């Protein structure tokens, strides 16, 4: 349950940061954050159902790399928020390594 809660929180934060960057007309940053939100949503959908054994974080590293390359474009304050989000997502990815899928209810 904890991993699923963390994923949901990361989805919400990625969404809010994406919207902020969209309003600031930094579409490339907004789009990358949107892709992160979508990948996290894919993971979250499997965490909450019968497909929990299919949960992997393999789609996260390329998205995180893309965001890492753009984070400076977001400015110092939002950039720090994005970096914090990335740290949380990296922790989630470690928890979802193959063979370590969370048990139902975790």
C-alpha atoms as a PDB file:
ATOM      1  CA  UNK A   1       0.000   0.000   0.000  1.00  0.00           C
ATOM      2  CA  UNK A   2       2.882   2.355   0.771  1.00  0.00           C
ATOM      3  CA  UNK A   3       4.377   2.049  -2.716  1.00  0.00           C
ATOM      4  CA  UNK A   4       1.002   2.662  -4.310  1.00  0.00           C
ATOM      5  CA  UNK A   5       0.476   5.744  -2.124  1.00  0.00           C
ATOM      6  CA  UNK A   6       3.931   7.051  -3.079  1.00  0.00           C
ATOM      7  CA  UNK A   7       3.202   6.476  -6.769  1.00  0.00           C
ATOM      8  CA  UNK A   8      -0.107   8.337  -6.478  1.00  0.00           C
ATOM      9  CA  UNK A   9       1.613  11.229  -4.730  1.00  0.00           C
ATOM     10  CA  UNK A  10       4.291  11.374  -7.435  1.00  0.00           C
ATOM     11  CA  UNK A  11       1.575  11.394 -10.123  1.00  0.00           C
ATOM     12  CA  UNK A  12      -0.129  14.371  -8.478  1.00  0.00           C
ATOM     13  CA  UNK A  13       3.133  16.290  -8.099  1.00  0.00           C
ATOM     14  CA  UNK A  14       4.210  15.562 -11.685  1.00  0.00           C
ATOM     15  CA  UNK A  15       0.824  16.771 -12.901  1.00  0.00           C
ATOM     16  CA  UNK A  16       0.991  20.025 -10.930  1.00  0.00           C
ATOM     17  CA  UNK A  17       4.555  20.749 -12.030  1.00  0.00           C
ATOM     18  CA  UNK A  18       3.612  19.964 -15.630  1.00  0.00           C
ATOM     19  CA  UNK A  19       0.689  22.393 -15.466  1.00  0.00           C
ATOM     20  CA  UNK A  20       2.939  25.078 -13.968  1.00  0.00           C
ATOM     21  CA  UNK A  21       5.502  24.675 -16.721  1.00  0.00           C
ATOM     22  CA  UNK A  22       2.726  24.800 -19.323  1.00  0.00           C
ATOM     23  CA  UNK A  23       1.489  28.114 -17.906  1.00  0.00           C
ATOM     24  CA  UNK A  24       5.078  29.381 -18.015  1.00  0.00           C
ATOM     25  CA  UNK A  25       5.253  28.401 -21.720  1.00  0.00           C
ATOM     26  CA  UNK A  26       8.001  25.863 -21.126  1.00  0.00           C
ATOM     27  CA  UNK A  27       6.251  23.172 -23.118  1.00  0.00           C
ATOM     28  CA  UNK A  28       9.284  20.908 -23.419  1.00  0.00           C
ATOM     29  CA  UNK A  29       9.528  20.640 -19.623  1.00  0.00           C
ATOM     30  CA  UNK A  30       5.752  20.313 -19.292  1.00  0.00           C
ATOM     31  CA  UNK A  31       5.658  17.501 -21.842  1.00  0.00           C
ATOM     32  CA  UNK A  32       8.469  15.564 -20.137  1.00  0.00           C
ATOM     33  CA  UNK A  33       6.702  15.838 -16.779  1.00  0.00           C
ATOM     34  CA  UNK A  34       3.487  14.702 -18.456  1.00  0.00           C
ATOM     35  CA  UNK A  35       5.282  11.628 -19.763  1.00  0.00           C
ATOM     36  CA  UNK A  36       6.494  10.897 -16.234  1.00  0.00           C
ATOM     37  CA  UNK A  37       2.938  11.236 -14.931  1.00  0.00           C
ATOM     38  CA  UNK A  38       1.686   8.838 -17.624  1.00  0.00           C
ATOM     39  CA  UNK A  39       4.361   6.245 -16.856  1.00  0.00           C
ATOM     40  CA  UNK A  40       3.616   6.463 -13.133  1.00  0.00           C
ATOM     41  CA  UNK A  41      -0.104   6.075 -13.881  1.00  0.00           C
ATOM     42  CA  UNK A  42       0.667   2.904 -15.853  1.00  0.00           C
ATOM     43  CA  UNK A  43       2.526   1.525 -12.842  1.00  0.00           C
ATOM     44  CA  UNK A  44      -0.186   2.595 -10.413  1.00  0.00           C
ATOM     45  CA  UNK A  45      -2.893   0.880 -12.448  1.00  0.00           C
ATOM     46  CA  UNK A  46      -1.083  -2.438 -12.164  1.00  0.00           C
ATOM     47  CA  UNK A  47      -0.282  -1.979  -8.478  1.00  0.00           C
ATOM     48  CA  UNK A  48      -3.951  -1.769  -7.637  1.00  0.00           C
ATOM     49  CA  UNK A  49      -5.147  -4.868  -9.402  1.00  0.00           C
ATOM     50  CA  UNK A  50      -4.659  -8.441 -10.411  1.00  0.00           C
ATOM     51  CA  UNK A  51      -1.748  -7.516 -12.675  1.00  0.00           C
ATOM     52  CA  UNK A  52       0.537  -6.604  -9.768  1.00  0.00           C
ATOM     53  CA  UNK A  53       2.991  -9.308 -10.879  1.00  0.00           C
ATOM     54  CA  UNK A  54       3.477  -7.330 -14.120  1.00  0.00           C
ATOM     55  CA  UNK A  55       4.661  -4.173 -12.365  1.00  0.00           C
ATOM     56  CA  UNK A  56       8.050  -2.953 -13.552  1.00  0.00           C
ATOM     57  CA  UNK A  57       9.815   0.355 -13.489  1.00  0.00           C
ATOM     58  CA  UNK A  58      11.600  -0.208 -16.795  1.00  0.00           C
ATOM     59  CA  UNK A  59       9.870   2.768 -18.417  1.00  0.00           C
ATOM     60  CA  UNK A  60      11.016   5.231 -15.754  1.00  0.00           C
ATOM     61  CA  UNK A  61      14.786   5.592 -16.450  1.00  0.00           C
ATOM     62  CA  UNK A  62      14.398   7.045 -19.973  1.00  0.00           C
ATOM     63  CA  UNK A  63      11.773   9.522 -18.770  1.00  0.00           C
ATOM     64  CA  UNK A  64      13.883  10.527 -15.766  1.00  0.00           C
ATOM     65  CA  UNK A  65      16.919  11.018 -18.024  1.00  0.00           C
ATOM     66  CA  UNK A  66      14.896  13.277 -20.301  1.00  0.00           C
ATOM     67  CA  UNK A  67      13.699  15.355 -17.335  1.00  0.00           C
ATOM     68  CA  UNK A  68      17.204  15.526 -15.884  1.00  0.00           C
ATOM     69  CA  UNK A  69      18.394  17.114 -19.131  1.00  0.00           C
ATOM     70  CA  UNK A  70      15.616  19.741 -18.937  1.00  0.00           C
ATOM     71  CA  UNK A  71      15.435  20.498 -15.222  1.00  0.00           C
ATOM     72  CA  UNK A  72      17.610  23.616 -15.432  1.00  0.00           C
ATOM     73  CA  UNK A  73      15.165  25.124 -17.941  1.00  0.00           C
ATOM     74  CA  UNK A  74      12.513  25.175 -15.209  1.00  0.00           C
ATOM     75  CA  UNK A  75      14.354  27.746 -13.116  1.00  0.00           C
ATOM     76  CA  UNK A  76      15.844  27.332  -9.647  1.00  0.00           C
ATOM     77  CA  UNK A  77      12.710  27.016  -7.488  1.00  0.00           C
ATOM     78  CA  UNK A  78      10.673  24.706  -9.718  1.00  0.00           C
ATOM     79  CA  UNK A  79      13.875  22.936 -10.727  1.00  0.00           C
ATOM     80  CA  UNK A  80      14.478  22.023  -7.086  1.00  0.00           C
ATOM     81  CA  UNK A  81      10.927  20.697  -6.827  1.00  0.00           C
ATOM     82  CA  UNK A  82      11.455  18.611  -9.953  1.00  0.00           C
ATOM     83  CA  UNK A  83      14.728  17.244  -8.549  1.00  0.00           C
ATOM     84  CA  UNK A  84      12.951  16.243  -5.343  1.00  0.00           C
ATOM     85  CA  UNK A  85      10.245  14.519  -7.384  1.00  0.00           C
ATOM     86  CA  UNK A  86      12.913  12.698  -9.383  1.00  0.00           C
ATOM     87  CA  UNK A  87      14.527  11.427  -6.170  1.00  0.00           C
ATOM     88  CA  UNK A  88      11.164  10.085  -5.013  1.00  0.00           C
ATOM     89  CA  UNK A  89      10.553   8.391  -8.356  1.00  0.00           C
ATOM     90  CA  UNK A  90      14.041   6.858  -8.329  1.00  0.00           C
ATOM     91  CA  UNK A  91      13.275   5.419  -4.878  1.00  0.00           C
ATOM     92  CA  UNK A  92       9.976   4.029  -6.183  1.00  0.00           C
ATOM     93  CA  UNK A  93      11.824   2.484  -9.139  1.00  0.00           C
ATOM     94  CA  UNK A  94      14.274   0.766  -6.766  1.00  0.00           C
ATOM     95  CA  UNK A  95      11.352  -0.663  -4.798  1.00  0.00           C
ATOM     96  CA  UNK A  96       9.836  -2.044  -8.012  1.00  0.00           C
ATOM     97  CA  UNK A  97      12.963  -3.807  -9.303  1.00  0.00           C
ATOM     98  CA  UNK A  98      12.279  -7.163 -10.987  1.00  0.00           C
ATOM     99  CA  UNK A  99      11.708  -9.869  -8.460  1.00  0.00           C
ATOM    100  CA  UNK A 100      10.783  -7.292  -5.834  1.00  0.00           C
ATOM    101  CA  UNK A 101       7.226  -6.497  -6.870  1.00  0.00           C
ATOM    102  CA  UNK A 102       5.279  -5.466  -3.807  1.00  0.00           C
ATOM    103  CA  UNK A 103       2.899  -7.980  -2.333  1.00  0.00           C
ATOM    104  CA  UNK A 104      -0.806  -7.207  -2.713  1.00  0.00           C
ATOM    105  CA  UNK A 105      -1.836  -4.693  -0.111  1.00  0.00           C
ATOM    106  CA  UNK A 106       1.631  -3.195   0.179  1.00  0.00           C
END
